[in-house]
């Protein structure tokens, strides 16, 4: 399956250490900007609370992994893979991010 790059926003639209939500091709996506300059994108839907809230989660490091903690039940999702650290059987979509200049694109 091939992917297409879709322009989502500018780098400065995503505050450092916070997340923002975006609607990309009909899907809610949570984007996170780390202090290192890295930008990650996950599906915004938290399967435990069944709500689109991950963009409001806290980003950090847990067990050596870059994660976002869901704001409701505090499950941690790996920013690179979408895997849940507390439940290995749960994984949310993780999107490839491409930054060109100051533009942020997602591969969808």
PDB file of N, CA and C in Angstrom:
ATOM      1  N   UNK A   1       0.848  -1.176   0.000  1.00  0.00           N
ATOM      2  CA  UNK A   1       0.000   0.000   0.000  1.00  0.00           C
ATOM      3  C   UNK A   1       0.893   1.239   0.000  1.00  0.00           C
ATOM      4  N   UNK A   2       0.691   2.133  -0.953  1.00  0.00           N
ATOM      5  CA  UNK A   2       1.500   3.346  -1.018  1.00  0.00           C
ATOM      6  C   UNK A   2       0.855   4.448  -0.187  1.00  0.00           C
ATOM      7  N   UNK A   3       1.688   5.374   0.257  1.00  0.00           N
ATOM      8  CA  UNK A   3       1.171   6.472   1.065  1.00  0.00           C
ATOM      9  C   UNK A   3       1.383   7.784   0.328  1.00  0.00           C
ATOM     10  N   UNK A   4       0.598   8.766   0.727  1.00  0.00           N
ATOM     11  CA  UNK A   4       0.656  10.100   0.162  1.00  0.00           C
ATOM     12  C   UNK A   4       1.026  11.070   1.263  1.00  0.00           C
ATOM     13  N   UNK A   5       1.863  12.055   0.956  1.00  0.00           N
ATOM     14  CA  UNK A   5       2.176  13.089   1.933  1.00  0.00           C
ATOM     15  C   UNK A   5       1.082  14.144   1.913  1.00  0.00           C
ATOM     16  N   UNK A   6       0.552  14.431   3.098  1.00  0.00           N
ATOM     17  CA  UNK A   6      -0.499  15.430   3.255  1.00  0.00           C
ATOM     18  C   UNK A   6       0.018  16.528   4.171  1.00  0.00           C
ATOM     19  N   UNK A   7      -0.041  17.776   3.687  1.00  0.00           N
ATOM     20  CA  UNK A   7       0.396  18.912   4.508  1.00  0.00           C
ATOM     21  C   UNK A   7      -0.614  19.132   5.628  1.00  0.00           C
ATOM     22  N   UNK A   8      -0.099  19.202   6.865  1.00  0.00           N
ATOM     23  CA  UNK A   8      -0.977  19.310   8.031  1.00  0.00           C
ATOM     24  C   UNK A   8      -0.901  20.691   8.676  1.00  0.00           C
ATOM     25  N   UNK A   9       0.311  21.187   8.903  1.00  0.00           N
ATOM     26  CA  UNK A   9       0.467  22.460   9.603  1.00  0.00           C
ATOM     27  C   UNK A   9       1.909  22.924   9.476  1.00  0.00           C
ATOM     28  N   UNK A  10       2.228  23.997  10.176  1.00  0.00           N
ATOM     29  CA  UNK A  10       3.609  24.465  10.278  1.00  0.00           C
ATOM     30  C   UNK A  10       4.175  24.000  11.617  1.00  0.00           C
ATOM     31  N   UNK A  11       5.488  23.858  11.683  1.00  0.00           N
ATOM     32  CA  UNK A  11       6.138  23.382  12.907  1.00  0.00           C
ATOM     33  C   UNK A  11       5.724  24.234  14.102  1.00  0.00           C
ATOM     34  N   UNK A  12       5.699  25.559  13.938  1.00  0.00           N
ATOM     35  CA  UNK A  12       5.378  26.432  15.073  1.00  0.00           C
ATOM     36  C   UNK A  12       3.915  26.343  15.522  1.00  0.00           C
ATOM     37  N   UNK A  13       3.069  25.645  14.759  1.00  0.00           N
ATOM     38  CA  UNK A  13       1.674  25.442  15.168  1.00  0.00           C
ATOM     39  C   UNK A  13       1.546  24.388  16.267  1.00  0.00           C
ATOM     40  N   UNK A  14       2.612  23.629  16.497  1.00  0.00           N
ATOM     41  CA  UNK A  14       2.603  22.577  17.519  1.00  0.00           C
ATOM     42  C   UNK A  14       3.508  23.032  18.660  1.00  0.00           C
ATOM     43  N   UNK A  15       2.944  23.459  19.785  1.00  0.00           N
ATOM     44  CA  UNK A  15       3.784  23.917  20.901  1.00  0.00           C
ATOM     45  C   UNK A  15       4.694  22.794  21.411  1.00  0.00           C
ATOM     46  N   UNK A  16       5.907  23.154  21.778  1.00  0.00           N
ATOM     47  CA  UNK A  16       6.866  22.180  22.297  1.00  0.00           C
ATOM     48  C   UNK A  16       6.334  21.572  23.593  1.00  0.00           C
ATOM     49  N   UNK A  17       6.462  20.252  23.712  1.00  0.00           N
ATOM     50  CA  UNK A  17       6.013  19.459  24.872  1.00  0.00           C
ATOM     51  C   UNK A  17       4.500  19.335  24.979  1.00  0.00           C
ATOM     52  N   UNK A  18       3.790  19.712  23.933  1.00  0.00           N
ATOM     53  CA  UNK A  18       2.335  19.594  23.942  1.00  0.00           C
ATOM     54  C   UNK A  18       1.876  18.899  22.667  1.00  0.00           C
ATOM     55  N   UNK A  19       0.592  18.594  22.636  1.00  0.00           N
ATOM     56  CA  UNK A  19       0.009  17.985  21.459  1.00  0.00           C
ATOM     57  C   UNK A  19      -1.088  18.856  20.887  1.00  0.00           C
ATOM     58  N   UNK A  20      -1.369  18.658  19.615  1.00  0.00           N
ATOM     59  CA  UNK A  20      -2.495  19.312  18.957  1.00  0.00           C
ATOM     60  C   UNK A  20      -3.214  18.264  18.123  1.00  0.00           C
ATOM     61  N   UNK A  21      -4.484  18.487  17.905  1.00  0.00           N
ATOM     62  CA  UNK A  21      -5.269  17.593  17.075  1.00  0.00           C
ATOM     63  C   UNK A  21      -5.442  18.170  15.683  1.00  0.00           C
ATOM     64  N   UNK A  22      -5.534  17.288  14.697  1.00  0.00           N
ATOM     65  CA  UNK A  22      -5.764  17.706  13.317  1.00  0.00           C
ATOM     66  C   UNK A  22      -6.651  16.665  12.644  1.00  0.00           C
ATOM     67  N   UNK A  23      -7.442  17.125  11.704  1.00  0.00           N
ATOM     68  CA  UNK A  23      -8.267  16.222  10.909  1.00  0.00           C
ATOM     69  C   UNK A  23      -7.553  16.015   9.576  1.00  0.00           C
ATOM     70  N   UNK A  24      -7.121  14.791   9.326  1.00  0.00           N
ATOM     71  CA  UNK A  24      -6.350  14.471   8.127  1.00  0.00           C
ATOM     72  C   UNK A  24      -7.074  13.370   7.365  1.00  0.00           C
ATOM     73  N   UNK A  25      -7.571  13.719   6.200  1.00  0.00           N
ATOM     74  CA  UNK A  25      -8.316  12.762   5.367  1.00  0.00           C
ATOM     75  C   UNK A  25      -9.412  12.059   6.171  1.00  0.00           C
ATOM     76  N   UNK A  26     -10.134  12.813   6.985  1.00  0.00           N
ATOM     77  CA  UNK A  26     -11.251  12.281   7.748  1.00  0.00           C
ATOM     78  C   UNK A  26     -10.878  11.582   9.041  1.00  0.00           C
ATOM     79  N   UNK A  27      -9.596  11.499   9.355  1.00  0.00           N
ATOM     80  CA  UNK A  27      -9.133  10.841  10.585  1.00  0.00           C
ATOM     81  C   UNK A  27      -8.584  11.871  11.562  1.00  0.00           C
ATOM     82  N   UNK A  28      -8.931  11.713  12.855  1.00  0.00           N
ATOM     83  CA  UNK A  28      -8.359  12.584  13.874  1.00  0.00           C
ATOM     84  C   UNK A  28      -6.957  12.099  14.217  1.00  0.00           C
ATOM     85  N   UNK A  29      -6.004  13.021  14.146  1.00  0.00           N
ATOM     86  CA  UNK A  29      -4.600  12.711  14.399  1.00  0.00           C
ATOM     87  C   UNK A  29      -4.092  13.628  15.501  1.00  0.00           C
ATOM     88  N   UNK A  30      -3.269  13.084  16.396  1.00  0.00           N
ATOM     89  CA  UNK A  30      -2.621  13.864  17.452  1.00  0.00           C
ATOM     90  C   UNK A  30      -1.159  14.052  17.070  1.00  0.00           C
ATOM     91  N   UNK A  31      -0.705  15.302  17.050  1.00  0.00           N
ATOM     92  CA  UNK A  31       0.688  15.615  16.718  1.00  0.00           C
ATOM     93  C   UNK A  31       1.391  16.133  17.956  1.00  0.00           C
ATOM     94  N   UNK A  32       2.635  15.697  18.150  1.00  0.00           N
ATOM     95  CA  UNK A  32       3.413  16.063  19.334  1.00  0.00           C
ATOM     96  C   UNK A  32       4.779  16.589  18.909  1.00  0.00           C
ATOM     97  N   UNK A  33       5.216  17.673  19.554  1.00  0.00           N
ATOM     98  CA  UNK A  33       6.486  18.338  19.239  1.00  0.00           C
ATOM     99  C   UNK A  33       7.373  18.247  20.475  1.00  0.00           C
ATOM    100  N   UNK A  34       8.448  17.505  20.373  1.00  0.00           N
ATOM    101  CA  UNK A  34       9.357  17.317  21.504  1.00  0.00           C
ATOM    102  C   UNK A  34      10.416  18.420  21.543  1.00  0.00           C
ATOM    103  N   UNK A  35      11.028  18.646  22.712  1.00  0.00           N
ATOM    104  CA  UNK A  35      12.067  19.679  22.826  1.00  0.00           C
ATOM    105  C   UNK A  35      13.262  19.447  21.898  1.00  0.00           C
ATOM    106  N   UNK A  36      13.470  18.215  21.481  1.00  0.00           N
ATOM    107  CA  UNK A  36      14.563  17.884  20.560  1.00  0.00           C
ATOM    108  C   UNK A  36      14.268  18.338  19.132  1.00  0.00           C
ATOM    109  N   UNK A  37      13.029  18.778  18.894  1.00  0.00           N
ATOM    110  CA  UNK A  37      12.609  19.174  17.557  1.00  0.00           C
ATOM    111  C   UNK A  37      11.855  18.083  16.822  1.00  0.00           C
ATOM    112  N   UNK A  38      11.864  16.876  17.370  1.00  0.00           N
ATOM    113  CA  UNK A  38      11.158  15.758  16.737  1.00  0.00           C
ATOM    114  C   UNK A  38       9.648  15.984  16.805  1.00  0.00           C
ATOM    115  N   UNK A  39       8.959  15.559  15.748  1.00  0.00           N
ATOM    116  CA  UNK A  39       7.502  15.633  15.710  1.00  0.00           C
ATOM    117  C   UNK A  39       6.978  14.233  15.435  1.00  0.00           C
ATOM    118  N   UNK A  40       5.982  13.833  16.220  1.00  0.00           N
ATOM    119  CA  UNK A  40       5.367  12.516  16.085  1.00  0.00           C
ATOM    120  C   UNK A  40       3.870  12.674  15.864  1.00  0.00           C
ATOM    121  N   UNK A  41       3.266  11.672  15.231  1.00  0.00           N
ATOM    122  CA  UNK A  41       1.828  11.690  14.986  1.00  0.00           C
ATOM    123  C   UNK A  41       1.238  10.316  15.276  1.00  0.00           C
ATOM    124  N   UNK A  42       0.171  10.329  16.058  1.00  0.00           N
ATOM    125  CA  UNK A  42      -0.575   9.116  16.403  1.00  0.00           C
ATOM    126  C   UNK A  42      -2.049   9.361  16.137  1.00  0.00           C
ATOM    127  N   UNK A  43      -2.815   8.267  16.045  1.00  0.00           N
ATOM    128  CA  UNK A  43      -4.254   8.423  16.032  1.00  0.00           C
ATOM    129  C   UNK A  43      -4.684   9.093  17.334  1.00  0.00           C
ATOM    130  N   UNK A  44      -5.679   9.953  17.276  1.00  0.00           N
ATOM    131  CA  UNK A  44      -6.113  10.707  18.456  1.00  0.00           C
ATOM    132  C   UNK A  44      -7.047   9.897  19.356  1.00  0.00           C
ATOM    133  N   UNK A  45      -7.530   8.762  18.875  1.00  0.00           N
ATOM    134  CA  UNK A  45      -8.526   7.965  19.610  1.00  0.00           C
ATOM    135  C   UNK A  45      -7.868   7.090  20.669  1.00  0.00           C
ATOM    136  N   UNK A  46      -8.293   7.282  21.918  1.00  0.00           N
ATOM    137  CA  UNK A  46      -7.829   6.454  23.039  1.00  0.00           C
ATOM    138  C   UNK A  46      -8.770   5.256  23.153  1.00  0.00           C
ATOM    139  N   UNK A  47      -8.291   4.044  22.884  1.00  0.00           N
ATOM    140  CA  UNK A  47      -9.176   2.877  22.905  1.00  0.00           C
ATOM    141  C   UNK A  47      -9.691   2.511  24.296  1.00  0.00           C
ATOM    142  N   UNK A  48      -9.058   2.995  25.341  1.00  0.00           N
ATOM    143  CA  UNK A  48      -9.501   2.666  26.696  1.00  0.00           C
ATOM    144  C   UNK A  48     -10.657   3.557  27.144  1.00  0.00           C
ATOM    145  N   UNK A  49     -10.587   4.840  26.853  1.00  0.00           N
ATOM    146  CA  UNK A  49     -11.678   5.749  27.227  1.00  0.00           C
ATOM    147  C   UNK A  49     -12.691   5.899  26.098  1.00  0.00           C
ATOM    148  N   UNK A  50     -12.338   5.379  24.920  1.00  0.00           N
ATOM    149  CA  UNK A  50     -13.167   5.478  23.720  1.00  0.00           C
ATOM    150  C   UNK A  50     -13.506   6.926  23.391  1.00  0.00           C
ATOM    151  N   UNK A  51     -12.475   7.788  23.470  1.00  0.00           N
ATOM    152  CA  UNK A  51     -12.636   9.211  23.172  1.00  0.00           C
ATOM    153  C   UNK A  51     -11.411   9.713  22.402  1.00  0.00           C
ATOM    154  N   UNK A  52     -11.617  10.729  21.602  1.00  0.00           N
ATOM    155  CA  UNK A  52     -10.533  11.359  20.848  1.00  0.00           C
ATOM    156  C   UNK A  52      -9.851  12.399  21.730  1.00  0.00           C
ATOM    157  N   UNK A  53      -8.897  11.941  22.554  1.00  0.00           N
ATOM    158  CA  UNK A  53      -8.300  12.812  23.573  1.00  0.00           C
ATOM    159  C   UNK A  53      -6.775  12.768  23.639  1.00  0.00           C
ATOM    160  N   UNK A  54      -6.130  11.927  22.870  1.00  0.00           N
ATOM    161  CA  UNK A  54      -4.683  11.763  23.045  1.00  0.00           C
ATOM    162  C   UNK A  54      -3.898  13.042  22.774  1.00  0.00           C
ATOM    163  N   UNK A  55      -4.426  13.934  21.945  1.00  0.00           N
ATOM    164  CA  UNK A  55      -3.728  15.197  21.694  1.00  0.00           C
ATOM    165  C   UNK A  55      -3.638  16.048  22.957  1.00  0.00           C
ATOM    166  N   UNK A  56      -4.441  15.729  23.965  1.00  0.00           N
ATOM    167  CA  UNK A  56      -4.419  16.448  25.249  1.00  0.00           C
ATOM    168  C   UNK A  56      -3.562  15.738  26.295  1.00  0.00           C
ATOM    169  N   UNK A  57      -2.899  14.668  25.894  1.00  0.00           N
ATOM    170  CA  UNK A  57      -2.086  13.896  26.827  1.00  0.00           C
ATOM    171  C   UNK A  57      -0.748  14.549  27.121  1.00  0.00           C
ATOM    172  N   UNK A  58      -0.066  14.003  28.119  1.00  0.00           N
ATOM    173  CA  UNK A  58       1.252  14.489  28.518  1.00  0.00           C
ATOM    174  C   UNK A  58       2.338  13.686  27.820  1.00  0.00           C
ATOM    175  N   UNK A  59       3.313  14.372  27.239  1.00  0.00           N
ATOM    176  CA  UNK A  59       4.428  13.680  26.595  1.00  0.00           C
ATOM    177  C   UNK A  59       5.588  13.553  27.572  1.00  0.00           C
ATOM    178  N   UNK A  60       6.336  12.468  27.421  1.00  0.00           N
ATOM    179  CA  UNK A  60       7.470  12.257  28.310  1.00  0.00           C
ATOM    180  C   UNK A  60       8.240  11.018  27.921  1.00  0.00           C
ATOM    181  N   UNK A  61       8.999  10.513  28.879  1.00  0.00           N
ATOM    182  CA  UNK A  61       9.843   9.344  28.688  1.00  0.00           C
ATOM    183  C   UNK A  61       9.478   8.333  29.761  1.00  0.00           C
ATOM    184  N   UNK A  62       9.225   7.099  29.365  1.00  0.00           N
ATOM    185  CA  UNK A  62       8.892   6.038  30.310  1.00  0.00           C
ATOM    186  C   UNK A  62       9.591   4.769  29.848  1.00  0.00           C
ATOM    187  N   UNK A  63      10.352   4.163  30.735  1.00  0.00           N
ATOM    188  CA  UNK A  63      11.084   2.941  30.421  1.00  0.00           C
ATOM    189  C   UNK A  63      11.957   3.119  29.176  1.00  0.00           C
ATOM    190  N   UNK A  64      12.522   4.317  29.020  1.00  0.00           N
ATOM    191  CA  UNK A  64      13.389   4.602  27.886  1.00  0.00           C
ATOM    192  C   UNK A  64      12.672   4.831  26.573  1.00  0.00           C
ATOM    193  N   UNK A  65      11.350   4.962  26.617  1.00  0.00           N
ATOM    194  CA  UNK A  65      10.575   5.171  25.402  1.00  0.00           C
ATOM    195  C   UNK A  65       9.904   6.538  25.444  1.00  0.00           C
ATOM    196  N   UNK A  66       9.816   7.184  24.280  1.00  0.00           N
ATOM    197  CA  UNK A  66       9.087   8.445  24.156  1.00  0.00           C
ATOM    198  C   UNK A  66       7.608   8.099  24.090  1.00  0.00           C
ATOM    199  N   UNK A  67       6.820   8.695  24.998  1.00  0.00           N
ATOM    200  CA  UNK A  67       5.416   8.304  25.115  1.00  0.00           C
ATOM    201  C   UNK A  67       4.506   9.515  25.273  1.00  0.00           C
ATOM    202  N   UNK A  68       3.215   9.261  25.059  1.00  0.00           N
ATOM    203  CA  UNK A  68       2.159  10.177  25.471  1.00  0.00           C
ATOM    204  C   UNK A  68       1.281   9.400  26.440  1.00  0.00           C
ATOM    205  N   UNK A  69       0.887  10.060  27.531  1.00  0.00           N
ATOM    206  CA  UNK A  69      -0.015   9.454  28.513  1.00  0.00           C
ATOM    207  C   UNK A  69      -1.417   9.975  28.249  1.00  0.00           C
ATOM    208  N   UNK A  70      -2.358   9.072  28.094  1.00  0.00           N
ATOM    209  CA  UNK A  70      -3.744   9.475  27.878  1.00  0.00           C
ATOM    210  C   UNK A  70      -4.218  10.327  29.052  1.00  0.00           C
ATOM    211  N   UNK A  71      -4.938  11.415  28.779  1.00  0.00           N
ATOM    212  CA  UNK A  71      -5.384  12.282  29.869  1.00  0.00           C
ATOM    213  C   UNK A  71      -6.488  11.678  30.730  1.00  0.00           C
ATOM    214  N   UNK A  72      -7.083  10.579  30.314  1.00  0.00           N
ATOM    215  CA  UNK A  72      -8.195  10.022  31.093  1.00  0.00           C
ATOM    216  C   UNK A  72      -7.722   8.886  31.988  1.00  0.00           C
ATOM    217  N   UNK A  73      -7.290   7.771  31.412  1.00  0.00           N
ATOM    218  CA  UNK A  73      -6.885   6.627  32.238  1.00  0.00           C
ATOM    219  C   UNK A  73      -5.375   6.458  32.349  1.00  0.00           C
ATOM    220  N   UNK A  74      -4.630   7.375  31.766  1.00  0.00           N
ATOM    221  CA  UNK A  74      -3.166   7.441  31.906  1.00  0.00           C
ATOM    222  C   UNK A  74      -2.394   6.290  31.271  1.00  0.00           C
ATOM    223  N   UNK A  75      -2.988   5.579  30.333  1.00  0.00           N
ATOM    224  CA  UNK A  75      -2.225   4.573  29.596  1.00  0.00           C
ATOM    225  C   UNK A  75      -1.185   5.287  28.743  1.00  0.00           C
ATOM    226  N   UNK A  76      -0.019   4.678  28.593  1.00  0.00           N
ATOM    227  CA  UNK A  76       1.089   5.270  27.851  1.00  0.00           C
ATOM    228  C   UNK A  76       1.211   4.622  26.478  1.00  0.00           C
ATOM    229  N   UNK A  77       1.334   5.462  25.449  1.00  0.00           N
ATOM    230  CA  UNK A  77       1.486   4.984  24.082  1.00  0.00           C
ATOM    231  C   UNK A  77       2.825   5.462  23.529  1.00  0.00           C
ATOM    232  N   UNK A  78       3.582   4.531  22.939  1.00  0.00           N
ATOM    233  CA  UNK A  78       4.868   4.845  22.339  1.00  0.00           C
ATOM    234  C   UNK A  78       4.642   5.784  21.152  1.00  0.00           C
ATOM    235  N   UNK A  79       5.344   6.912  21.135  1.00  0.00           N
ATOM    236  CA  UNK A  79       5.154   7.901  20.076  1.00  0.00           C
ATOM    237  C   UNK A  79       5.629   7.412  18.713  1.00  0.00           C
ATOM    238  N   UNK A  80       6.538   6.461  18.677  1.00  0.00           N
ATOM    239  CA  UNK A  80       7.056   5.968  17.405  1.00  0.00           C
ATOM    240  C   UNK A  80       6.219   4.836  16.829  1.00  0.00           C
ATOM    241  N   UNK A  81       5.687   3.981  17.696  1.00  0.00           N
ATOM    242  CA  UNK A  81       5.005   2.772  17.219  1.00  0.00           C
ATOM    243  C   UNK A  81       3.505   2.745  17.490  1.00  0.00           C
ATOM    244  N   UNK A  82       3.033   3.535  18.464  1.00  0.00           N
ATOM    245  CA  UNK A  82       1.629   3.508  18.857  1.00  0.00           C
ATOM    246  C   UNK A  82       1.296   2.399  19.836  1.00  0.00           C
ATOM    247  N   UNK A  83       2.285   1.600  20.238  1.00  0.00           N
ATOM    248  CA  UNK A  83       2.035   0.486  21.155  1.00  0.00           C
ATOM    249  C   UNK A  83       1.771   0.991  22.567  1.00  0.00           C
ATOM    250  N   UNK A  84       0.826   0.335  23.250  1.00  0.00           N
ATOM    251  CA  UNK A  84       0.504   0.665  24.635  1.00  0.00           C
ATOM    252  C   UNK A  84       1.485  -0.057  25.554  1.00  0.00           C
ATOM    253  N   UNK A  85       2.116   0.681  26.454  1.00  0.00           N
ATOM    254  CA  UNK A  85       3.098   0.074  27.352  1.00  0.00           C
ATOM    255  C   UNK A  85       2.443  -0.804  28.408  1.00  0.00           C
ATOM    256  N   UNK A  86       1.215  -0.490  28.798  1.00  0.00           N
ATOM    257  CA  UNK A  86       0.537  -1.263  29.838  1.00  0.00           C
ATOM    258  C   UNK A  86      -0.205  -2.480  29.294  1.00  0.00           C
ATOM    259  N   UNK A  87      -0.496  -2.505  28.000  1.00  0.00           N
ATOM    260  CA  UNK A  87      -1.242  -3.606  27.396  1.00  0.00           C
ATOM    261  C   UNK A  87      -0.667  -3.869  26.007  1.00  0.00           C
ATOM    262  N   UNK A  88       0.217  -4.851  25.905  1.00  0.00           N
ATOM    263  CA  UNK A  88       0.923  -5.133  24.654  1.00  0.00           C
ATOM    264  C   UNK A  88      -0.013  -5.494  23.502  1.00  0.00           C
ATOM    265  N   UNK A  89      -1.242  -5.874  23.805  1.00  0.00           N
ATOM    266  CA  UNK A  89      -2.196  -6.231  22.764  1.00  0.00           C
ATOM    267  C   UNK A  89      -2.903  -5.039  22.147  1.00  0.00           C
ATOM    268  N   UNK A  90      -2.607  -3.838  22.637  1.00  0.00           N
ATOM    269  CA  UNK A  90      -3.284  -2.637  22.136  1.00  0.00           C
ATOM    270  C   UNK A  90      -2.272  -1.746  21.430  1.00  0.00           C
ATOM    271  N   UNK A  91      -2.652  -1.330  20.234  1.00  0.00           N
ATOM    272  CA  UNK A  91      -1.792  -0.453  19.442  1.00  0.00           C
ATOM    273  C   UNK A  91      -2.675   0.528  18.684  1.00  0.00           C
ATOM    274  N   UNK A  92      -2.271   1.792  18.669  1.00  0.00           N
ATOM    275  CA  UNK A  92      -3.001   2.807  17.912  1.00  0.00           C
ATOM    276  C   UNK A  92      -2.175   3.181  16.682  1.00  0.00           C
ATOM    277  N   UNK A  93      -2.815   3.790  15.683  1.00  0.00           N
ATOM    278  CA  UNK A  93      -2.059   4.144  14.477  1.00  0.00           C
ATOM    279  C   UNK A  93      -0.936   5.134  14.769  1.00  0.00           C
ATOM    280  N   UNK A  94       0.219   4.887  14.168  1.00  0.00           N
ATOM    281  CA  UNK A  94       1.357   5.808  14.211  1.00  0.00           C
ATOM    282  C   UNK A  94       1.645   6.209  12.766  1.00  0.00           C
ATOM    283  N   UNK A  95       1.817   7.484  12.541  1.00  0.00           N
ATOM    284  CA  UNK A  95       2.007   8.002  11.190  1.00  0.00           C
ATOM    285  C   UNK A  95       3.433   8.504  11.002  1.00  0.00           C
ATOM    286  N   UNK A  96       3.962   8.294   9.819  1.00  0.00           N
ATOM    287  CA  UNK A  96       5.274   8.850   9.479  1.00  0.00           C
ATOM    288  C   UNK A  96       5.124  10.349   9.285  1.00  0.00           C
ATOM    289  N   UNK A  97       6.033  11.110   9.883  1.00  0.00           N
ATOM    290  CA  UNK A  97       6.025  12.569   9.787  1.00  0.00           C
ATOM    291  C   UNK A  97       7.218  13.008   8.947  1.00  0.00           C
ATOM    292  N   UNK A  98       6.965  13.925   8.038  1.00  0.00           N
ATOM    293  CA  UNK A  98       8.023  14.511   7.219  1.00  0.00           C
ATOM    294  C   UNK A  98       7.967  16.021   7.413  1.00  0.00           C
ATOM    295  N   UNK A  99       9.107  16.609   7.774  1.00  0.00           N
ATOM    296  CA  UNK A  99       9.192  18.063   7.909  1.00  0.00           C
ATOM    297  C   UNK A  99      10.032  18.585   6.753  1.00  0.00           C
ATOM    298  N   UNK A 100       9.439  19.490   5.979  1.00  0.00           N
ATOM    299  CA  UNK A 100      10.144  20.125   4.863  1.00  0.00           C
ATOM    300  C   UNK A 100      10.118  21.625   5.111  1.00  0.00           C
ATOM    301  N   UNK A 101      11.276  22.182   5.452  1.00  0.00           N
ATOM    302  CA  UNK A 101      11.315  23.593   5.843  1.00  0.00           C
ATOM    303  C   UNK A 101      10.566  23.752   7.150  1.00  0.00           C
ATOM    304  N   UNK A 102       9.507  24.562   7.137  1.00  0.00           N
ATOM    305  CA  UNK A 102       8.689  24.717   8.345  1.00  0.00           C
ATOM    306  C   UNK A 102       7.330  24.043   8.208  1.00  0.00           C
ATOM    307  N   UNK A 103       7.153  23.238   7.167  1.00  0.00           N
ATOM    308  CA  UNK A 103       5.883  22.547   6.925  1.00  0.00           C
ATOM    309  C   UNK A 103       5.935  21.114   7.456  1.00  0.00           C
ATOM    310  N   UNK A 104       4.832  20.685   8.074  1.00  0.00           N
ATOM    311  CA  UNK A 104       4.713  19.326   8.607  1.00  0.00           C
ATOM    312  C   UNK A 104       3.762  18.536   7.711  1.00  0.00           C
ATOM    313  N   UNK A 105       4.228  17.388   7.250  1.00  0.00           N
ATOM    314  CA  UNK A 105       3.439  16.496   6.402  1.00  0.00           C
ATOM    315  C   UNK A 105       3.301  15.141   7.088  1.00  0.00           C
ATOM    316  N   UNK A 106       2.169  14.482   6.842  1.00  0.00           N
ATOM    317  CA  UNK A 106       1.974  13.113   7.309  1.00  0.00           C
ATOM    318  C   UNK A 106       1.869  12.200   6.102  1.00  0.00           C
ATOM    319  N   UNK A 107       2.428  11.012   6.247  1.00  0.00           N
ATOM    320  CA  UNK A 107       2.277   9.984   5.221  1.00  0.00           C
ATOM    321  C   UNK A 107       1.023   9.190   5.562  1.00  0.00           C
ATOM    322  N   UNK A 108       0.013   9.315   4.715  1.00  0.00           N
ATOM    323  CA  UNK A 108      -1.257   8.602   4.950  1.00  0.00           C
ATOM    324  C   UNK A 108      -1.651   7.812   3.717  1.00  0.00           C
TER     325      UNK A 108
END
